[in-house]
Amino acid sequence: MSRMGIMGGTFNPIHTGHLLSAEHVLEMVGLDQVWLITTGCSYLKRKEGITVLSAEDWYRMVNLAIADNDRFRCLDMEIRRPGNSYSYETMEQLQKEYPEDRFFFICGADCLYTIEYWKCADRLFAACTVLAAVRGDADIADMQEKIDALEKKFGAQIRLLPFRRIEISSSEIRERRRKGLSVRYLVPDAVRVYMEEKGLYQDE
């Protein structure tokens, strides 16, 4: 049985912090691989002042970013799925397609306070172990109390995972691109070249 970590997001764009986080989880938990799943969005639109690229651009940049690491993989299952994507659907699909593997759903520890209200949370918990990434300034006792409640209510398996603080954000990269500033070393070089060639994030 292989142990697979699942990290989802828009990756708008993917940056070095995402990759460091994925590598950290892989080593800390003893995973065999981390699979990155890009959230689907089939058209260019503006939302709350943020440029949202086509799903193909997200997917292409993630693949460029992880090309040299055979323990990372990018899946397009949410891009191909019509309508809204829900975490429980993704995890159940993975469980069905890879019945011999064990899955670990990676999320921020702040999700512990909302995850029970996610669509079909009981089915999400049944399909995976949740890894909640917690930073050093968090209230561990309060989080553990919340975990105990979720485990009792849903039979969930949840593990707190100490996380390093990485001061890189996708919004910073988009802003630097908009201003014509360098994003070298904030993103993998292949991603930087791709953004420059396609003129991404220059029209926000």
N, C-alpha and C. Protein backbone atom coordinates (compact mmCIF):
# COMPACT_ATOMS: atom_id res chain seq x y z
N MET A 1 0.84 -1.20 0.00
CA MET A 1 0.00 0.00 0.00
C MET A 1 0.87 1.24 0.00
N SER A 2 0.68 2.08 -1.02
CA SER A 2 1.42 3.34 -1.09
C SER A 2 0.67 4.43 -0.33
N ARG A 3 1.43 5.38 0.18
CA ARG A 3 0.87 6.48 0.96
C ARG A 3 0.99 7.76 0.12
N MET A 4 -0.17 8.31 -0.27
CA MET A 4 -0.21 9.44 -1.19
C MET A 4 -0.77 10.68 -0.49
N GLY A 5 -0.03 11.78 -0.56
CA GLY A 5 -0.52 13.05 -0.05
C GLY A 5 -1.23 13.80 -1.16
N ILE A 6 -2.37 14.42 -0.85
CA ILE A 6 -3.15 15.17 -1.83
C ILE A 6 -3.17 16.64 -1.45
N MET A 7 -2.63 17.47 -2.32
CA MET A 7 -2.60 18.91 -2.08
C MET A 7 -3.34 19.59 -3.22
N GLY A 8 -4.46 20.22 -2.91
CA GLY A 8 -5.26 20.87 -3.93
C GLY A 8 -5.16 22.38 -3.85
N GLY A 9 -5.54 23.05 -4.93
CA GLY A 9 -5.54 24.51 -4.93
C GLY A 9 -5.56 25.07 -6.34
N THR A 10 -5.71 26.38 -6.42
CA THR A 10 -5.67 27.02 -7.74
C THR A 10 -4.23 27.15 -8.23
N PHE A 11 -3.28 27.25 -7.29
CA PHE A 11 -1.88 27.44 -7.68
C PHE A 11 -1.80 28.58 -8.69
N ASN A 12 -2.17 29.77 -8.24
CA ASN A 12 -2.39 30.92 -9.13
C ASN A 12 -1.40 32.06 -8.87
N PRO A 13 -0.08 31.86 -9.16
CA PRO A 13 0.55 30.65 -9.72
C PRO A 13 1.20 29.80 -8.62
N ILE A 14 1.64 28.61 -9.01
CA ILE A 14 2.43 27.79 -8.10
C ILE A 14 3.76 28.49 -7.84
N HIS A 15 4.25 28.38 -6.60
CA HIS A 15 5.52 29.03 -6.26
C HIS A 15 6.38 28.12 -5.38
N THR A 16 7.56 28.60 -5.06
CA THR A 16 8.52 27.80 -4.30
C THR A 16 7.96 27.38 -2.95
N GLY A 17 7.14 28.22 -2.33
CA GLY A 17 6.54 27.87 -1.05
C GLY A 17 5.67 26.64 -1.14
N HIS A 18 4.88 26.52 -2.20
CA HIS A 18 4.06 25.32 -2.39
C HIS A 18 4.94 24.07 -2.44
N LEU A 19 6.03 24.18 -3.18
CA LEU A 19 6.90 23.02 -3.37
C LEU A 19 7.63 22.65 -2.09
N LEU A 20 8.10 23.65 -1.35
CA LEU A 20 8.74 23.38 -0.06
C LEU A 20 7.76 22.73 0.90
N SER A 21 6.51 23.19 0.90
CA SER A 21 5.49 22.62 1.77
C SER A 21 5.22 21.17 1.41
N ALA A 22 5.10 20.88 0.12
CA ALA A 22 4.84 19.52 -0.31
C ALA A 22 5.99 18.59 0.06
N GLU A 23 7.22 19.08 -0.11
CA GLU A 23 8.40 18.27 0.25
C GLU A 23 8.45 18.03 1.76
N HIS A 24 8.08 19.04 2.53
CA HIS A 24 8.07 18.93 3.99
C HIS A 24 7.08 17.86 4.44
N VAL A 25 5.87 17.88 3.88
CA VAL A 25 4.86 16.89 4.25
C VAL A 25 5.32 15.49 3.85
N LEU A 26 5.86 15.38 2.66
CA LEU A 26 6.32 14.08 2.18
C LEU A 26 7.32 13.45 3.16
N GLU A 27 8.26 14.26 3.63
CA GLU A 27 9.29 13.75 4.54
C GLU A 27 8.75 13.51 5.94
N MET A 28 7.96 14.44 6.46
CA MET A 28 7.47 14.35 7.83
C MET A 28 6.56 13.15 8.06
N VAL A 29 5.73 12.84 7.05
CA VAL A 29 4.72 11.79 7.21
C VAL A 29 5.20 10.47 6.60
N GLY A 30 6.27 10.52 5.84
CA GLY A 30 6.75 9.31 5.20
C GLY A 30 5.88 8.90 4.03
N LEU A 31 5.46 9.89 3.23
CA LEU A 31 4.63 9.59 2.07
C LEU A 31 5.49 9.07 0.92
N ASP A 32 4.84 8.33 0.03
CA ASP A 32 5.53 7.87 -1.16
C ASP A 32 5.53 8.94 -2.24
N GLN A 33 4.41 9.67 -2.34
CA GLN A 33 4.30 10.75 -3.31
C GLN A 33 3.35 11.82 -2.79
N VAL A 34 3.45 13.01 -3.37
CA VAL A 34 2.46 14.06 -3.17
C VAL A 34 1.86 14.37 -4.54
N TRP A 35 0.54 14.31 -4.60
CA TRP A 35 -0.17 14.62 -5.84
C TRP A 35 -0.81 16.00 -5.70
N LEU A 36 -0.50 16.89 -6.64
CA LEU A 36 -1.07 18.23 -6.65
C LEU A 36 -2.25 18.26 -7.62
N ILE A 37 -3.39 18.74 -7.16
CA ILE A 37 -4.60 18.74 -7.97
C ILE A 37 -5.05 20.17 -8.18
N THR A 38 -5.03 20.61 -9.43
CA THR A 38 -5.41 21.98 -9.74
C THR A 38 -6.93 22.12 -9.82
N THR A 39 -7.44 23.16 -9.20
CA THR A 39 -8.87 23.44 -9.24
C THR A 39 -9.26 23.89 -10.63
N GLY A 40 -10.37 23.41 -11.13
CA GLY A 40 -10.78 23.72 -12.49
C GLY A 40 -11.40 25.10 -12.64
N CYS A 41 -11.10 25.75 -13.74
CA CYS A 41 -11.73 27.02 -14.14
C CYS A 41 -11.54 27.13 -15.64
N SER A 42 -12.60 26.99 -16.42
CA SER A 42 -12.46 26.80 -17.86
C SER A 42 -12.36 28.09 -18.66
N TYR A 43 -12.47 29.25 -18.01
CA TYR A 43 -12.41 30.49 -18.77
C TYR A 43 -11.74 31.59 -17.95
N LEU A 44 -11.27 32.61 -18.65
CA LEU A 44 -10.61 33.75 -18.00
C LEU A 44 -11.67 34.68 -17.43
N LYS A 45 -11.54 34.99 -16.16
CA LYS A 45 -12.50 35.90 -15.55
C LYS A 45 -11.80 36.68 -14.45
N ARG A 46 -12.45 37.72 -14.00
CA ARG A 46 -11.92 38.51 -12.90
C ARG A 46 -12.84 38.34 -11.71
N LYS A 47 -12.25 38.11 -10.56
CA LYS A 47 -13.03 37.91 -9.35
C LYS A 47 -12.32 38.60 -8.20
N GLU A 48 -12.98 39.55 -7.62
CA GLU A 48 -12.44 40.28 -6.49
C GLU A 48 -11.07 40.87 -6.82
N GLY A 49 -10.92 41.34 -8.07
CA GLY A 49 -9.68 41.98 -8.48
C GLY A 49 -8.53 41.03 -8.75
N ILE A 50 -8.77 39.73 -8.76
CA ILE A 50 -7.71 38.76 -8.98
C ILE A 50 -7.88 38.13 -10.37
N THR A 51 -6.83 38.12 -11.14
CA THR A 51 -6.89 37.47 -12.45
C THR A 51 -6.90 35.96 -12.25
N VAL A 52 -7.93 35.32 -12.79
CA VAL A 52 -8.04 33.86 -12.72
C VAL A 52 -7.75 33.32 -14.12
N LEU A 53 -6.69 32.56 -14.24
CA LEU A 53 -6.30 32.05 -15.55
C LEU A 53 -7.12 30.83 -15.92
N SER A 54 -6.96 30.39 -17.14
CA SER A 54 -7.58 29.15 -17.55
C SER A 54 -6.95 27.99 -16.78
N ALA A 55 -7.72 26.94 -16.59
CA ALA A 55 -7.22 25.77 -15.88
C ALA A 55 -6.00 25.18 -16.57
N GLU A 56 -5.94 25.33 -17.89
CA GLU A 56 -4.81 24.78 -18.64
C GLU A 56 -3.50 25.48 -18.24
N ASP A 57 -3.57 26.79 -17.99
CA ASP A 57 -2.36 27.50 -17.56
C ASP A 57 -1.91 27.03 -16.18
N TRP A 58 -2.84 26.90 -15.25
CA TRP A 58 -2.49 26.39 -13.92
C TRP A 58 -1.83 25.02 -14.03
N TYR A 59 -2.51 24.15 -14.78
CA TYR A 59 -2.04 22.77 -14.90
C TYR A 59 -0.66 22.71 -15.54
N ARG A 60 -0.45 23.52 -16.58
CA ARG A 60 0.84 23.54 -17.27
C ARG A 60 1.95 24.03 -16.34
N MET A 61 1.67 25.09 -15.56
CA MET A 61 2.69 25.63 -14.68
C MET A 61 3.05 24.65 -13.57
N VAL A 62 2.06 23.95 -13.02
CA VAL A 62 2.36 22.97 -11.97
C VAL A 62 3.24 21.86 -12.53
N ASN A 63 2.92 21.38 -13.72
CA ASN A 63 3.73 20.33 -14.33
C ASN A 63 5.15 20.80 -14.61
N LEU A 64 5.31 22.03 -15.04
CA LEU A 64 6.65 22.58 -15.24
C LEU A 64 7.41 22.65 -13.92
N ALA A 65 6.71 23.02 -12.85
CA ALA A 65 7.34 23.20 -11.55
C ALA A 65 7.85 21.89 -10.95
N ILE A 66 7.16 20.79 -11.24
CA ILE A 66 7.50 19.52 -10.58
C ILE A 66 8.20 18.54 -11.52
N ALA A 67 8.57 19.00 -12.71
CA ALA A 67 9.10 18.10 -13.74
C ALA A 67 10.34 17.33 -13.28
N ASP A 68 11.12 17.91 -12.36
CA ASP A 68 12.37 17.26 -11.96
C ASP A 68 12.22 16.45 -10.67
N ASN A 69 11.00 16.24 -10.21
CA ASN A 69 10.78 15.49 -8.96
C ASN A 69 9.81 14.35 -9.23
N ASP A 70 10.32 13.12 -9.26
CA ASP A 70 9.46 11.99 -9.59
C ASP A 70 8.56 11.56 -8.43
N ARG A 71 8.65 12.25 -7.29
CA ARG A 71 7.76 11.96 -6.17
C ARG A 71 6.59 12.94 -6.10
N PHE A 72 6.56 13.87 -7.05
CA PHE A 72 5.43 14.78 -7.19
C PHE A 72 4.69 14.43 -8.49
N ARG A 73 3.39 14.63 -8.46
CA ARG A 73 2.57 14.36 -9.64
C ARG A 73 1.43 15.37 -9.67
N CYS A 74 1.04 15.81 -10.85
CA CYS A 74 -0.08 16.73 -11.00
C CYS A 74 -1.23 16.02 -11.70
N LEU A 75 -2.43 16.13 -11.14
CA LEU A 75 -3.62 15.49 -11.70
C LEU A 75 -4.59 16.56 -12.21
N ASP A 76 -5.29 16.25 -13.30
CA ASP A 76 -6.23 17.20 -13.89
C ASP A 76 -7.68 16.78 -13.69
N MET A 77 -7.94 15.92 -12.72
CA MET A 77 -9.27 15.35 -12.53
C MET A 77 -10.33 16.41 -12.23
N GLU A 78 -9.98 17.45 -11.48
CA GLU A 78 -10.96 18.49 -11.17
C GLU A 78 -11.17 19.42 -12.36
N ILE A 79 -10.16 19.57 -13.19
CA ILE A 79 -10.31 20.35 -14.41
C ILE A 79 -11.31 19.68 -15.34
N ARG A 80 -11.23 18.36 -15.42
CA ARG A 80 -12.09 17.61 -16.34
C ARG A 80 -13.51 17.42 -15.81
N ARG A 81 -13.69 17.55 -14.50
CA ARG A 81 -15.01 17.33 -13.91
C ARG A 81 -15.90 18.55 -14.15
N PRO A 82 -17.09 18.38 -14.71
CA PRO A 82 -17.99 19.52 -14.96
C PRO A 82 -18.57 20.06 -13.65
N GLY A 83 -18.87 21.36 -13.65
CA GLY A 83 -19.50 21.96 -12.48
C GLY A 83 -18.53 22.17 -11.34
N ASN A 84 -19.07 22.43 -10.17
CA ASN A 84 -18.24 22.67 -8.99
C ASN A 84 -17.53 21.40 -8.55
N SER A 85 -16.32 21.55 -8.04
CA SER A 85 -15.57 20.42 -7.52
C SER A 85 -15.61 20.44 -5.99
N TYR A 86 -15.84 19.29 -5.42
CA TYR A 86 -15.88 19.17 -3.97
C TYR A 86 -14.81 18.17 -3.53
N SER A 87 -14.22 18.45 -2.38
CA SER A 87 -13.12 17.62 -1.91
C SER A 87 -13.53 16.17 -1.71
N TYR A 88 -14.73 15.94 -1.21
CA TYR A 88 -15.15 14.56 -0.97
C TYR A 88 -15.23 13.78 -2.27
N GLU A 89 -15.67 14.45 -3.36
CA GLU A 89 -15.75 13.78 -4.65
C GLU A 89 -14.37 13.39 -5.15
N THR A 90 -13.42 14.31 -4.99
CA THR A 90 -12.05 14.03 -5.43
C THR A 90 -11.46 12.87 -4.66
N MET A 91 -11.62 12.87 -3.35
CA MET A 91 -11.03 11.81 -2.54
C MET A 91 -11.71 10.47 -2.80
N GLU A 92 -13.02 10.47 -2.99
CA GLU A 92 -13.71 9.22 -3.29
C GLU A 92 -13.31 8.68 -4.66
N GLN A 93 -13.10 9.57 -5.62
CA GLN A 93 -12.67 9.13 -6.95
C GLN A 93 -11.27 8.51 -6.88
N LEU A 94 -10.39 9.14 -6.12
CA LEU A 94 -9.05 8.59 -5.97
C LEU A 94 -9.09 7.23 -5.28
N GLN A 95 -9.91 7.13 -4.26
CA GLN A 95 -10.04 5.87 -3.53
C GLN A 95 -10.55 4.76 -4.44
N LYS A 96 -11.47 5.12 -5.35
CA LYS A 96 -12.02 4.14 -6.28
C LYS A 96 -11.00 3.73 -7.33
N GLU A 97 -10.23 4.70 -7.84
CA GLU A 97 -9.28 4.42 -8.91
C GLU A 97 -8.00 3.76 -8.41
N TYR A 98 -7.65 4.02 -7.14
CA TYR A 98 -6.42 3.45 -6.57
C TYR A 98 -6.74 2.78 -5.23
N PRO A 99 -7.49 1.67 -5.27
CA PRO A 99 -7.96 1.03 -4.04
C PRO A 99 -6.85 0.49 -3.15
N GLU A 100 -5.68 0.29 -3.69
CA GLU A 100 -4.58 -0.26 -2.90
C GLU A 100 -3.79 0.83 -2.15
N ASP A 101 -4.09 2.09 -2.43
CA ASP A 101 -3.33 3.19 -1.83
C ASP A 101 -4.08 3.81 -0.65
N ARG A 102 -3.32 4.46 0.23
CA ARG A 102 -3.89 5.20 1.34
C ARG A 102 -3.67 6.68 1.09
N PHE A 103 -4.71 7.48 1.30
CA PHE A 103 -4.65 8.89 0.94
C PHE A 103 -4.68 9.81 2.16
N PHE A 104 -3.87 10.87 2.05
CA PHE A 104 -3.74 11.88 3.10
C PHE A 104 -4.09 13.24 2.49
N PHE A 105 -5.14 13.85 3.01
CA PHE A 105 -5.62 15.13 2.51
C PHE A 105 -4.92 16.25 3.26
N ILE A 106 -4.16 17.07 2.55
CA ILE A 106 -3.33 18.12 3.16
C ILE A 106 -4.10 19.44 3.14
N CYS A 107 -4.23 20.06 4.30
CA CYS A 107 -4.91 21.35 4.37
C CYS A 107 -4.30 22.18 5.49
N GLY A 108 -4.64 23.45 5.53
CA GLY A 108 -4.20 24.31 6.61
C GLY A 108 -4.99 24.02 7.88
N ALA A 109 -4.38 24.20 9.03
CA ALA A 109 -5.04 23.89 10.29
C ALA A 109 -6.29 24.73 10.53
N ASP A 110 -6.35 25.91 9.90
CA ASP A 110 -7.54 26.74 10.06
C ASP A 110 -8.78 26.06 9.50
N CYS A 111 -8.60 25.10 8.59
CA CYS A 111 -9.73 24.36 8.03
C CYS A 111 -10.44 23.50 9.07
N LEU A 112 -9.75 23.21 10.17
CA LEU A 112 -10.36 22.37 11.21
C LEU A 112 -11.65 22.99 11.75
N TYR A 113 -11.75 24.31 11.65
CA TYR A 113 -12.90 25.00 12.22
C TYR A 113 -14.06 25.14 11.23
N THR A 114 -13.84 24.74 9.99
CA THR A 114 -14.91 24.84 8.99
C THR A 114 -15.18 23.53 8.26
N ILE A 115 -14.27 22.57 8.35
CA ILE A 115 -14.35 21.38 7.51
C ILE A 115 -15.62 20.57 7.74
N GLU A 116 -16.17 20.60 8.94
CA GLU A 116 -17.39 19.83 9.19
C GLU A 116 -18.59 20.39 8.43
N TYR A 117 -18.47 21.64 7.93
CA TYR A 117 -19.54 22.26 7.17
C TYR A 117 -19.32 22.14 5.66
N TRP A 118 -18.22 21.52 5.26
CA TRP A 118 -17.98 21.27 3.85
C TRP A 118 -19.02 20.28 3.35
N LYS A 119 -19.27 20.30 2.06
CA LYS A 119 -20.25 19.38 1.48
C LYS A 119 -19.83 17.93 1.73
N CYS A 120 -20.75 17.16 2.33
CA CYS A 120 -20.52 15.72 2.60
C CYS A 120 -19.21 15.49 3.35
N ALA A 121 -19.02 16.23 4.44
CA ALA A 121 -17.78 16.11 5.22
C ALA A 121 -17.58 14.69 5.73
N ASP A 122 -18.66 14.00 6.05
CA ASP A 122 -18.54 12.63 6.55
C ASP A 122 -17.90 11.72 5.52
N ARG A 123 -18.22 11.95 4.23
CA ARG A 123 -17.64 11.13 3.17
C ARG A 123 -16.18 11.50 2.92
N LEU A 124 -15.85 12.75 3.11
CA LEU A 124 -14.44 13.16 3.00
C LEU A 124 -13.61 12.47 4.06
N PHE A 125 -14.07 12.51 5.30
CA PHE A 125 -13.32 11.88 6.39
C PHE A 125 -13.20 10.37 6.20
N ALA A 126 -14.21 9.77 5.59
CA ALA A 126 -14.18 8.32 5.38
C ALA A 126 -13.17 7.90 4.31
N ALA A 127 -12.83 8.85 3.44
CA ALA A 127 -11.98 8.52 2.29
C ALA A 127 -10.50 8.78 2.51
N CYS A 128 -10.14 9.43 3.62
CA CYS A 128 -8.74 9.82 3.78
C CYS A 128 -8.41 10.18 5.23
N THR A 129 -7.13 10.30 5.49
CA THR A 129 -6.64 10.90 6.72
C THR A 129 -6.35 12.36 6.44
N VAL A 130 -6.74 13.24 7.34
CA VAL A 130 -6.52 14.67 7.16
C VAL A 130 -5.22 15.07 7.84
N LEU A 131 -4.35 15.74 7.11
CA LEU A 131 -3.13 16.31 7.66
C LEU A 131 -3.33 17.82 7.76
N ALA A 132 -3.39 18.33 8.98
CA ALA A 132 -3.63 19.75 9.20
C ALA A 132 -2.32 20.45 9.51
N ALA A 133 -1.89 21.28 8.58
CA ALA A 133 -0.60 21.96 8.72
C ALA A 133 -0.74 23.14 9.68
N VAL A 134 0.02 23.11 10.76
CA VAL A 134 -0.09 24.12 11.80
C VAL A 134 1.24 24.84 11.98
N ARG A 135 1.18 26.15 12.10
CA ARG A 135 2.39 26.95 12.28
C ARG A 135 2.66 27.20 13.76
N GLY A 136 3.85 27.66 14.05
CA GLY A 136 4.32 27.73 15.43
C GLY A 136 3.54 28.61 16.36
N ASP A 137 2.82 29.62 15.84
CA ASP A 137 2.11 30.55 16.71
C ASP A 137 0.67 30.13 16.97
N ALA A 138 0.30 28.93 16.56
CA ALA A 138 -1.08 28.47 16.70
C ALA A 138 -1.36 27.97 18.12
N ASP A 139 -2.64 27.96 18.47
CA ASP A 139 -3.09 27.44 19.77
C ASP A 139 -3.31 25.94 19.62
N ILE A 140 -2.28 25.16 19.93
CA ILE A 140 -2.32 23.72 19.72
C ILE A 140 -3.40 23.06 20.57
N ALA A 141 -3.55 23.49 21.82
CA ALA A 141 -4.53 22.89 22.72
C ALA A 141 -5.94 23.06 22.16
N ASP A 142 -6.24 24.24 21.64
CA ASP A 142 -7.56 24.50 21.08
C ASP A 142 -7.79 23.64 19.83
N MET A 143 -6.75 23.52 19.01
CA MET A 143 -6.87 22.70 17.80
C MET A 143 -7.07 21.23 18.15
N GLN A 144 -6.36 20.76 19.16
CA GLN A 144 -6.49 19.37 19.54
C GLN A 144 -7.89 19.09 20.08
N GLU A 145 -8.46 20.06 20.78
CA GLU A 145 -9.83 19.92 21.26
C GLU A 145 -10.80 19.80 20.09
N LYS A 146 -10.56 20.61 19.05
CA LYS A 146 -11.40 20.54 17.86
C LYS A 146 -11.24 19.21 17.14
N ILE A 147 -10.02 18.72 17.07
CA ILE A 147 -9.76 17.42 16.45
C ILE A 147 -10.51 16.32 17.19
N ASP A 148 -10.44 16.34 18.51
CA ASP A 148 -11.12 15.33 19.32
C ASP A 148 -12.62 15.33 19.02
N ALA A 149 -13.20 16.53 18.86
CA ALA A 149 -14.63 16.63 18.57
C ALA A 149 -14.96 16.07 17.19
N LEU A 150 -14.11 16.36 16.20
CA LEU A 150 -14.34 15.86 14.85
C LEU A 150 -14.17 14.34 14.78
N GLU A 151 -13.19 13.84 15.49
CA GLU A 151 -12.98 12.39 15.50
C GLU A 151 -14.16 11.67 16.15
N LYS A 152 -14.71 12.27 17.20
CA LYS A 152 -15.85 11.68 17.88
C LYS A 152 -17.11 11.74 17.02
N LYS A 153 -17.31 12.87 16.33
CA LYS A 153 -18.52 13.07 15.53
C LYS A 153 -18.50 12.28 14.23
N PHE A 154 -17.34 12.24 13.56
CA PHE A 154 -17.27 11.65 12.23
C PHE A 154 -16.44 10.36 12.15
N GLY A 155 -15.76 10.01 13.22
CA GLY A 155 -14.82 8.90 13.13
C GLY A 155 -13.63 9.27 12.28
N ALA A 156 -13.32 10.57 12.23
CA ALA A 156 -12.25 11.08 11.38
C ALA A 156 -10.88 10.68 11.91
N GLN A 157 -9.92 10.65 11.00
CA GLN A 157 -8.51 10.49 11.36
C GLN A 157 -7.81 11.79 10.97
N ILE A 158 -7.35 12.53 11.97
CA ILE A 158 -6.76 13.84 11.74
C ILE A 158 -5.43 13.92 12.48
N ARG A 159 -4.45 14.45 11.80
CA ARG A 159 -3.11 14.59 12.40
C ARG A 159 -2.61 16.02 12.21
N LEU A 160 -2.19 16.64 13.32
CA LEU A 160 -1.56 17.95 13.23
C LEU A 160 -0.13 17.80 12.74
N LEU A 161 0.25 18.65 11.83
CA LEU A 161 1.58 18.56 11.24
C LEU A 161 2.29 19.90 11.39
N PRO A 162 3.36 19.96 12.18
CA PRO A 162 4.11 21.22 12.32
C PRO A 162 4.60 21.70 10.96
N PHE A 163 4.45 22.99 10.72
CA PHE A 163 4.78 23.54 9.42
C PHE A 163 5.69 24.74 9.57
N ARG A 164 6.62 24.89 8.67
CA ARG A 164 7.48 26.06 8.67
C ARG A 164 6.76 27.22 7.99
N ARG A 165 7.01 28.42 8.46
CA ARG A 165 6.40 29.59 7.83
C ARG A 165 7.22 29.98 6.61
N ILE A 166 6.55 30.09 5.48
CA ILE A 166 7.20 30.43 4.22
C ILE A 166 6.59 31.72 3.71
N GLU A 167 7.37 32.77 3.69
CA GLU A 167 6.85 34.09 3.34
C GLU A 167 6.86 34.34 1.84
N ILE A 168 6.14 33.49 1.12
CA ILE A 168 5.93 33.67 -0.32
C ILE A 168 4.45 33.43 -0.58
N SER A 169 3.85 34.26 -1.40
CA SER A 169 2.43 34.08 -1.70
C SER A 169 2.18 34.29 -3.19
N SER A 170 1.13 33.66 -3.68
CA SER A 170 0.75 33.84 -5.09
C SER A 170 0.36 35.28 -5.36
N SER A 171 -0.29 35.93 -4.38
CA SER A 171 -0.71 37.32 -4.58
C SER A 171 0.50 38.23 -4.74
N GLU A 172 1.57 37.96 -3.99
CA GLU A 172 2.79 38.76 -4.13
C GLU A 172 3.38 38.60 -5.52
N ILE A 173 3.37 37.38 -6.03
CA ILE A 173 3.92 37.12 -7.36
C ILE A 173 3.09 37.81 -8.43
N ARG A 174 1.77 37.73 -8.29
CA ARG A 174 0.91 38.41 -9.27
C ARG A 174 1.16 39.92 -9.24
N GLU A 175 1.32 40.48 -8.04
CA GLU A 175 1.54 41.91 -7.91
C GLU A 175 2.88 42.32 -8.51
N ARG A 176 3.91 41.51 -8.28
CA ARG A 176 5.22 41.82 -8.85
C ARG A 176 5.18 41.74 -10.38
N ARG A 177 4.46 40.77 -10.91
CA ARG A 177 4.32 40.66 -12.36
C ARG A 177 3.58 41.89 -12.91
N ARG A 178 2.55 42.32 -12.19
CA ARG A 178 1.78 43.48 -12.64
C ARG A 178 2.66 44.73 -12.70
N LYS A 179 3.58 44.84 -11.74
CA LYS A 179 4.46 46.01 -11.66
C LYS A 179 5.71 45.88 -12.53
N GLY A 180 5.87 44.74 -13.18
CA GLY A 180 7.04 44.53 -14.02
C GLY A 180 8.28 44.18 -13.23
N LEU A 181 8.12 43.68 -11.99
CA LEU A 181 9.26 43.31 -11.15
C LEU A 181 9.60 41.83 -11.34
N SER A 182 10.80 41.47 -10.97
CA SER A 182 11.27 40.10 -11.13
C SER A 182 10.59 39.15 -10.14
N VAL A 183 10.29 37.93 -10.60
CA VAL A 183 9.83 36.87 -9.71
C VAL A 183 10.82 35.71 -9.69
N ARG A 184 12.01 36.00 -10.18
CA ARG A 184 13.07 34.97 -10.18
C ARG A 184 13.31 34.49 -8.75
N TYR A 185 13.43 33.17 -8.59
CA TYR A 185 13.65 32.48 -7.32
C TYR A 185 12.39 32.39 -6.45
N LEU A 186 11.35 33.15 -6.75
CA LEU A 186 10.08 32.98 -6.05
C LEU A 186 9.28 31.83 -6.66
N VAL A 187 9.52 31.58 -7.94
CA VAL A 187 8.89 30.47 -8.65
C VAL A 187 9.99 29.68 -9.34
N PRO A 188 9.75 28.40 -9.65
CA PRO A 188 10.73 27.65 -10.44
C PRO A 188 10.99 28.37 -11.76
N ASP A 189 12.20 28.26 -12.27
CA ASP A 189 12.56 29.05 -13.44
C ASP A 189 11.71 28.71 -14.65
N ALA A 190 11.33 27.44 -14.80
CA ALA A 190 10.50 27.08 -15.94
C ALA A 190 9.14 27.77 -15.87
N VAL A 191 8.62 27.97 -14.64
CA VAL A 191 7.36 28.67 -14.46
C VAL A 191 7.53 30.15 -14.79
N ARG A 192 8.65 30.73 -14.36
CA ARG A 192 8.92 32.14 -14.68
C ARG A 192 8.96 32.36 -16.19
N VAL A 193 9.65 31.49 -16.89
CA VAL A 193 9.77 31.62 -18.34
C VAL A 193 8.39 31.49 -19.00
N TYR A 194 7.60 30.55 -18.52
CA TYR A 194 6.25 30.35 -19.07
C TYR A 194 5.40 31.60 -18.89
N MET A 195 5.44 32.19 -17.70
CA MET A 195 4.66 33.40 -17.43
C MET A 195 5.12 34.54 -18.33
N GLU A 196 6.43 34.66 -18.51
CA GLU A 196 6.95 35.74 -19.35
C GLU A 196 6.57 35.55 -20.81
N GLU A 197 6.66 34.33 -21.29
CA GLU A 197 6.35 34.06 -22.69
C GLU A 197 4.87 34.31 -23.00
N LYS A 198 4.00 34.03 -22.02
CA LYS A 198 2.57 34.19 -22.25
C LYS A 198 2.03 35.52 -21.70
N GLY A 199 2.91 36.31 -21.07
CA GLY A 199 2.47 37.59 -20.55
C GLY A 199 1.46 37.49 -19.44
N LEU A 200 1.58 36.45 -18.59
CA LEU A 200 0.58 36.20 -17.56
C LEU A 200 0.71 37.20 -16.41
N TYR A 201 -0.43 37.59 -15.85
CA TYR A 201 -0.54 38.47 -14.68
C TYR A 201 -0.02 39.89 -14.94
N GLN A 202 -0.04 40.31 -16.17
CA GLN A 202 0.43 41.65 -16.47
C GLN A 202 -0.71 42.64 -16.69
N ASP A 203 -1.95 42.16 -16.65
CA ASP A 203 -3.08 43.03 -16.98
C ASP A 203 -4.09 43.16 -15.85
N GLU A 204 -3.67 42.87 -14.58
CA GLU A 204 -4.61 42.96 -13.47
C GLU A 204 -4.96 44.43 -13.21
